[in-house]
PDB file of all heavy atoms in Angstrom:
ATOM      1  N   GLY A   1      84.251 107.031  80.364  1.00  0.00           N
ATOM      2  CA  GLY A   1      83.996 105.984  81.239  1.00  0.00           C
ATOM      3  C   GLY A   1      85.112 104.989  81.292  1.00  0.00           C
ATOM      4  O   GLY A   1      85.351 104.203  82.209  1.00  0.00           O
ATOM      5  N   LYS A   2      85.883 104.885  80.258  1.00  0.00           N
ATOM      6  CA  LYS A   2      87.075 103.970  80.207  1.00  0.00           C
ATOM      7  C   LYS A   2      88.134 104.323  81.108  1.00  0.00           C
ATOM      8  O   LYS A   2      88.345 105.399  81.460  1.00  0.00           O
ATOM      9  CB  LYS A   2      87.672 103.963  78.767  1.00  0.00           C
ATOM     10  CG  LYS A   2      88.813 103.058  78.526  1.00  0.00           C
ATOM     11  CD  LYS A   2      88.290 101.881  77.916  1.00  0.00           C
ATOM     12  CE  LYS A   2      89.568 100.910  77.547  1.00  0.00           C
ATOM     13  NZ  LYS A   2      89.340  99.528  77.696  1.00  0.00           N
ATOM     14  N   VAL A   3      88.671 103.185  81.872  1.00  0.00           N
ATOM     15  CA  VAL A   3      89.629 103.438  82.880  1.00  0.00           C
ATOM     16  C   VAL A   3      91.056 102.991  82.455  1.00  0.00           C
ATOM     17  O   VAL A   3      91.128 101.891  81.852  1.00  0.00           O
ATOM     18  CB  VAL A   3      89.248 102.763  84.303  1.00  0.00           C
ATOM     19  CG1 VAL A   3      90.308 102.928  85.233  1.00  0.00           C
ATOM     20  CG2 VAL A   3      87.844 103.332  84.670  1.00  0.00           C
ATOM     21  N   PHE A   4      91.982 103.757  82.559  1.00  0.00           N
ATOM     22  CA  PHE A   4      93.420 103.451  82.219  1.00  0.00           C
ATOM     23  C   PHE A   4      94.323 103.577  83.353  1.00  0.00           C
ATOM     24  O   PHE A   4      94.143 104.365  84.298  1.00  0.00           O
ATOM     25  CB  PHE A   4      93.867 104.538  81.068  1.00  0.00           C
ATOM     26  CG  PHE A   4      93.121 104.349  79.821  1.00  0.00           C
ATOM     27  CD1 PHE A   4      92.220 105.426  79.487  1.00  0.00           C
ATOM     28  CD2 PHE A   4      93.321 103.346  78.940  1.00  0.00           C
ATOM     29  CE1 PHE A   4      91.565 105.450  78.297  1.00  0.00           C
ATOM     30  CE2 PHE A   4      92.584 103.313  77.779  1.00  0.00           C
ATOM     31  CZ  PHE A   4      91.754 104.249  77.374  1.00  0.00           C
ATOM     32  N   GLU A   5      95.407 102.724  83.197  1.00  0.00           N
ATOM     33  CA  GLU A   5      96.451 102.833  84.096  1.00  0.00           C
ATOM     34  C   GLU A   5      97.529 103.780  83.456  1.00  0.00           C
ATOM     35  O   GLU A   5      97.438 103.820  82.125  1.00  0.00           O
ATOM     36  CB  GLU A   5      97.196 101.525  84.369  1.00  0.00           C
ATOM     37  CG  GLU A   5      96.325 100.491  85.138  1.00  0.00           C
ATOM     38  CD  GLU A   5      96.064 100.964  86.604  1.00  0.00           C
ATOM     39  OE1 GLU A   5      97.020 101.619  87.149  1.00  0.00           O
ATOM     40  OE2 GLU A   5      94.907 100.872  87.005  1.00  0.00           O
ATOM     41  N   ALA A   6      98.418 104.444  84.069  1.00  0.00           N
ATOM     42  CA  ALA A   6      99.435 105.205  83.346  1.00  0.00           C
ATOM     43  C   ALA A   6     100.196 104.298  82.400  1.00  0.00           C
ATOM     44  O   ALA A   6     100.629 103.274  82.774  1.00  0.00           O
ATOM     45  CB  ALA A   6     100.465 105.927  84.545  1.00  0.00           C
ATOM     46  N   GLY A   7     100.372 104.871  81.301  1.00  0.00           N
ATOM     47  CA  GLY A   7     101.076 104.045  80.253  1.00  0.00           C
ATOM     48  C   GLY A   7     100.231 103.254  79.326  1.00  0.00           C
ATOM     49  O   GLY A   7     100.733 102.631  78.337  1.00  0.00           O
ATOM     50  N   ASP A   8      98.936 103.101  79.673  1.00  0.00           N
ATOM     51  CA  ASP A   8      98.069 102.260  78.752  1.00  0.00           C
ATOM     52  C   ASP A   8      97.791 102.932  77.519  1.00  0.00           C
ATOM     53  O   ASP A   8      97.624 104.202  77.478  1.00  0.00           O
ATOM     54  CB  ASP A   8      96.737 102.024  79.419  1.00  0.00           C
ATOM     55  CG  ASP A   8      96.847 100.963  80.519  1.00  0.00           C
ATOM     56  OD1 ASP A   8      97.819 100.261  80.666  1.00  0.00           O
ATOM     57  OD2 ASP A   8      95.695 100.732  81.203  1.00  0.00           O
ATOM     58  N   ALA A   9      97.740 102.114  76.355  1.00  0.00           N
ATOM     59  CA  ALA A   9      97.300 102.793  75.066  1.00  0.00           C
ATOM     60  C   ALA A   9      95.857 103.348  75.299  1.00  0.00           C
ATOM     61  O   ALA A   9      94.949 102.610  75.852  1.00  0.00           O
ATOM     62  CB  ALA A   9      97.366 101.748  73.963  1.00  0.00           C
ATOM     63  N   ALA A  10      95.691 104.652  74.877  1.00  0.00           N
ATOM     64  CA  ALA A  10      94.411 105.295  75.068  1.00  0.00           C
ATOM     65  C   ALA A  10      93.885 105.988  73.850  1.00  0.00           C
ATOM     66  O   ALA A  10      93.285 107.021  73.920  1.00  0.00           O
ATOM     67  CB  ALA A  10      94.513 106.210  76.214  1.00  0.00           C
ATOM     68  N   GLY A  11      94.101 105.346  72.644  1.00  0.00           N
ATOM     69  CA  GLY A  11      93.646 105.959  71.484  1.00  0.00           C
ATOM     70  C   GLY A  11      94.725 105.864  70.288  1.00  0.00           C
ATOM     71  O   GLY A  11      95.879 105.394  70.689  1.00  0.00           O
ATOM     72  N   VAL A  12      94.456 106.261  69.131  1.00  0.00           N
ATOM     73  CA  VAL A  12      95.342 106.285  68.041  1.00  0.00           C
ATOM     74  C   VAL A  12      95.229 107.628  67.275  1.00  0.00           C
ATOM     75  O   VAL A  12      94.200 108.148  67.065  1.00  0.00           O
ATOM     76  CB  VAL A  12      94.988 105.089  67.159  1.00  0.00           C
ATOM     77  CG1 VAL A  12      95.943 105.039  65.826  1.00  0.00           C
ATOM     78  CG2 VAL A  12      95.131 103.770  67.677  1.00  0.00           C
ATOM     79  N   VAL A  13      96.364 108.040  66.746  1.00  0.00           N
ATOM     80  CA  VAL A  13      96.542 109.227  65.991  1.00  0.00           C
ATOM     81  C   VAL A  13      97.129 108.699  64.667  1.00  0.00           C
ATOM     82  O   VAL A  13      98.178 108.059  64.663  1.00  0.00           O
ATOM     83  CB  VAL A  13      97.281 110.265  66.620  1.00  0.00           C
ATOM     84  CG1 VAL A  13      97.508 111.423  65.520  1.00  0.00           C
ATOM     85  CG2 VAL A  13      96.630 110.875  67.705  1.00  0.00           C
ATOM     86  N   GLU A  14      96.443 108.903  63.537  1.00  0.00           N
ATOM     87  CA  GLU A  14      96.954 108.557  62.295  1.00  0.00           C
ATOM     88  C   GLU A  14      97.255 109.760  61.483  1.00  0.00           C
ATOM     89  O   GLU A  14      96.496 110.809  61.373  1.00  0.00           O
ATOM     90  CB  GLU A  14      95.944 107.771  61.376  1.00  0.00           C
ATOM     91  CG  GLU A  14      95.566 106.432  62.030  1.00  0.00           C
ATOM     92  CD  GLU A  14      94.742 105.513  61.187  1.00  0.00           C
ATOM     93  OE1 GLU A  14      94.442 105.804  59.937  1.00  0.00           O
ATOM     94  OE2 GLU A  14      94.119 104.564  61.724  1.00  0.00           O
ATOM     95  N   SER A  15      98.329 109.787  60.762  1.00  0.00           N
ATOM     96  CA  SER A  15      98.903 110.838  59.890  1.00  0.00           C
ATOM     97  C   SER A  15      99.122 110.325  58.507  1.00  0.00           C
ATOM     98  O   SER A  15      99.088 109.078  58.319  1.00  0.00           O
ATOM     99  CB  SER A  15     100.150 111.532  60.506  1.00  0.00           C
ATOM    100  OG  SER A  15     101.153 110.696  60.381  1.00  0.00           O
ATOM    101  N   VAL A  16      99.646 111.241  57.744  1.00  0.00           N
ATOM    102  CA  VAL A  16     100.073 110.766  56.295  1.00  0.00           C
ATOM    103  C   VAL A  16     101.209 109.992  56.368  1.00  0.00           C
ATOM    104  O   VAL A  16     101.541 109.112  55.434  1.00  0.00           O
ATOM    105  CB  VAL A  16     100.250 111.977  55.376  1.00  0.00           C
ATOM    106  CG1 VAL A  16      98.878 112.718  55.159  1.00  0.00           C
ATOM    107  CG2 VAL A  16     101.279 112.913  55.857  1.00  0.00           C
ATOM    108  N   LYS A  17     102.023 109.935  57.398  1.00  0.00           N
ATOM    109  CA  LYS A  17     103.245 109.189  57.569  1.00  0.00           C
ATOM    110  C   LYS A  17     103.043 107.857  58.329  1.00  0.00           C
ATOM    111  O   LYS A  17     103.729 106.851  58.048  1.00  0.00           O
ATOM    112  CB  LYS A  17     104.307 109.991  58.376  1.00  0.00           C
ATOM    113  CG  LYS A  17     104.780 111.248  57.574  1.00  0.00           C
ATOM    114  CD  LYS A  17     105.774 111.856  58.417  1.00  0.00           C
ATOM    115  CE  LYS A  17     106.424 113.126  57.795  1.00  0.00           C
ATOM    116  NZ  LYS A  17     107.381 113.823  58.611  1.00  0.00           N
ATOM    117  N   ALA A  18     102.259 107.884  59.438  1.00  0.00           N
ATOM    118  CA  ALA A  18     102.185 106.728  60.338  1.00  0.00           C
ATOM    119  C   ALA A  18     101.020 106.799  61.214  1.00  0.00           C
ATOM    120  O   ALA A  18     100.279 107.803  61.243  1.00  0.00           O
ATOM    121  CB  ALA A  18     103.436 106.833  61.281  1.00  0.00           C
ATOM    122  N   ALA A  19     100.660 105.617  61.828  1.00  0.00           N
ATOM    123  CA  ALA A  19      99.664 105.604  62.887  1.00  0.00           C
ATOM    124  C   ALA A  19     100.516 105.357  64.250  1.00  0.00           C
ATOM    125  O   ALA A  19     101.282 104.490  64.143  1.00  0.00           O
ATOM    126  CB  ALA A  19      98.623 104.511  62.517  1.00  0.00           C
ATOM    127  N   THR A  20     100.037 105.944  65.228  1.00  0.00           N
ATOM    128  CA  THR A  20     100.720 105.674  66.572  1.00  0.00           C
ATOM    129  C   THR A  20      99.752 105.792  67.679  1.00  0.00           C
ATOM    130  O   THR A  20      98.652 106.449  67.569  1.00  0.00           O
ATOM    131  CB  THR A  20     101.807 106.678  66.741  1.00  0.00           C
ATOM    132  OG1 THR A  20     102.520 106.456  67.915  1.00  0.00           O
ATOM    133  CG2 THR A  20     101.243 108.017  66.953  1.00  0.00           C
ATOM    134  N   ASP A  21      99.995 104.887  68.753  1.00  0.00           N
ATOM    135  CA  ASP A  21      99.052 104.910  69.846  1.00  0.00           C
ATOM    136  C   ASP A  21      99.358 106.253  70.668  1.00  0.00           C
ATOM    137  O   ASP A  21     100.520 106.753  70.721  1.00  0.00           O
ATOM    138  CB  ASP A  21      99.406 103.676  70.739  1.00  0.00           C
ATOM    139  CG  ASP A  21      98.942 102.365  70.260  1.00  0.00           C
ATOM    140  OD1 ASP A  21      97.986 102.362  69.543  1.00  0.00           O
ATOM    141  OD2 ASP A  21      99.576 101.432  70.431  1.00  0.00           O
ATOM    142  N   ILE A  22      98.288 106.600  71.388  1.00  0.00           N
ATOM    143  CA  ILE A  22      98.340 107.700  72.276  1.00  0.00           C
ATOM    144  C   ILE A  22      98.275 107.040  73.750  1.00  0.00           C
ATOM    145  O   ILE A  22      97.366 106.158  73.822  1.00  0.00           O
ATOM    146  CB  ILE A  22      97.350 108.737  72.123  1.00  0.00           C
ATOM    147  CG1 ILE A  22      97.424 109.403  70.790  1.00  0.00           C
ATOM    148  CG2 ILE A  22      97.224 109.726  73.285  1.00  0.00           C
ATOM    149  CD1 ILE A  22      98.660 110.009  70.514  1.00  0.00           C
ATOM    150  N   TYR A  23      99.105 107.362  74.635  1.00  0.00           N
ATOM    151  CA  TYR A  23      99.135 106.787  75.902  1.00  0.00           C
ATOM    152  C   TYR A  23      98.624 107.640  76.961  1.00  0.00           C
ATOM    153  O   TYR A  23      98.792 108.869  76.912  1.00  0.00           O
ATOM    154  CB  TYR A  23     100.531 106.311  76.240  1.00  0.00           C
ATOM    155  CG  TYR A  23     101.096 105.304  75.190  1.00  0.00           C
ATOM    156  CD1 TYR A  23     101.854 105.599  74.133  1.00  0.00           C
ATOM    157  CD2 TYR A  23     100.734 103.944  75.370  1.00  0.00           C
ATOM    158  CE1 TYR A  23     102.301 104.798  73.330  1.00  0.00           C
ATOM    159  CE2 TYR A  23     101.172 102.946  74.480  1.00  0.00           C
ATOM    160  CZ  TYR A  23     101.920 103.420  73.421  1.00  0.00           C
ATOM    161  OH  TYR A  23     102.411 102.512  72.463  1.00  0.00           O
ATOM    162  N   ALA A  24      97.927 106.999  78.025  1.00  0.00           N
ATOM    163  CA  ALA A  24      97.555 107.827  79.178  1.00  0.00           C
ATOM    164  C   ALA A  24      98.769 108.153  80.059  1.00  0.00           C
ATOM    165  O   ALA A  24      99.476 107.186  80.530  1.00  0.00           O
ATOM    166  CB  ALA A  24      96.524 107.022  79.933  1.00  0.00           C
ATOM    167  N   PRO A  25      99.086 109.415  80.142  1.00  0.00           N
ATOM    168  CA  PRO A  25     100.219 109.792  81.003  1.00  0.00           C
ATOM    169  C   PRO A  25     100.132 109.518  82.416  1.00  0.00           C
ATOM    170  O   PRO A  25     100.978 109.349  83.227  1.00  0.00           O
ATOM    171  CB  PRO A  25     100.479 111.351  80.585  1.00  0.00           C
ATOM    172  CG  PRO A  25      99.176 111.801  80.167  1.00  0.00           C
ATOM    173  CD  PRO A  25      98.464 110.538  79.592  1.00  0.00           C
ATOM    174  N   VAL A  26      98.845 109.467  82.852  1.00  0.00           N
ATOM    175  CA  VAL A  26      98.476 109.088  84.243  1.00  0.00           C
ATOM    176  C   VAL A  26      97.273 108.235  84.218  1.00  0.00           C
ATOM    177  O   VAL A  26      96.567 108.224  83.254  1.00  0.00           O
ATOM    178  CB  VAL A  26      98.128 110.405  85.136  1.00  0.00           C
ATOM    179  CG1 VAL A  26      99.358 111.348  85.261  1.00  0.00           C
ATOM    180  CG2 VAL A  26      96.908 111.089  84.555  1.00  0.00           C
ATOM    181  N   GLY A  27      97.094 107.412  85.239  1.00  0.00           N
ATOM    182  CA  GLY A  27      95.934 106.594  85.380  1.00  0.00           C
ATOM    183  C   GLY A  27      94.735 107.377  85.731  1.00  0.00           C
ATOM    184  O   GLY A  27      94.768 108.397  86.383  1.00  0.00           O
ATOM    185  N   GLY A  28      93.590 106.761  85.237  1.00  0.00           N
ATOM    186  CA  GLY A  28      92.323 107.436  85.693  1.00  0.00           C
ATOM    187  C   GLY A  28      91.031 107.059  84.758  1.00  0.00           C
ATOM    188  O   GLY A  28      91.365 106.321  83.856  1.00  0.00           O
ATOM    189  N   GLU A  29      90.008 107.643  85.047  1.00  0.00           N
ATOM    190  CA  GLU A  29      88.776 107.505  84.196  1.00  0.00           C
ATOM    191  C   GLU A  29      88.596 108.547  83.151  1.00  0.00           C
ATOM    192  O   GLU A  29      88.698 109.742  83.570  1.00  0.00           O
ATOM    193  CB  GLU A  29      87.612 107.400  85.125  1.00  0.00           C
ATOM    194  CG  GLU A  29      86.344 107.176  84.433  1.00  0.00           C
ATOM    195  CD  GLU A  29      84.997 107.127  85.403  1.00  0.00           C
ATOM    196  OE1 GLU A  29      85.242 107.120  86.569  1.00  0.00           O
ATOM    197  OE2 GLU A  29      83.982 107.129  84.772  1.00  0.00           O
ATOM    198  N   VAL A  30      88.316 108.219  81.930  1.00  0.00           N
ATOM    199  CA  VAL A  30      88.111 109.297  80.925  1.00  0.00           C
ATOM    200  C   VAL A  30      86.696 109.930  81.169  1.00  0.00           C
ATOM    201  O   VAL A  30      85.798 109.264  81.404  1.00  0.00           O
ATOM    202  CB  VAL A  30      88.060 108.652  79.585  1.00  0.00           C
ATOM    203  CG1 VAL A  30      87.725 109.649  78.566  1.00  0.00           C
ATOM    204  CG2 VAL A  30      89.364 107.992  79.196  1.00  0.00           C
TER     205      VAL A  30
END
């Protein structure tokens, strides 16, 4: 239900090395 514009941070992936944002490549509703 969350709505994003293209390029908005849309989550996080954490690894043993780093945490990084995941971005919405296009805008829309999840």
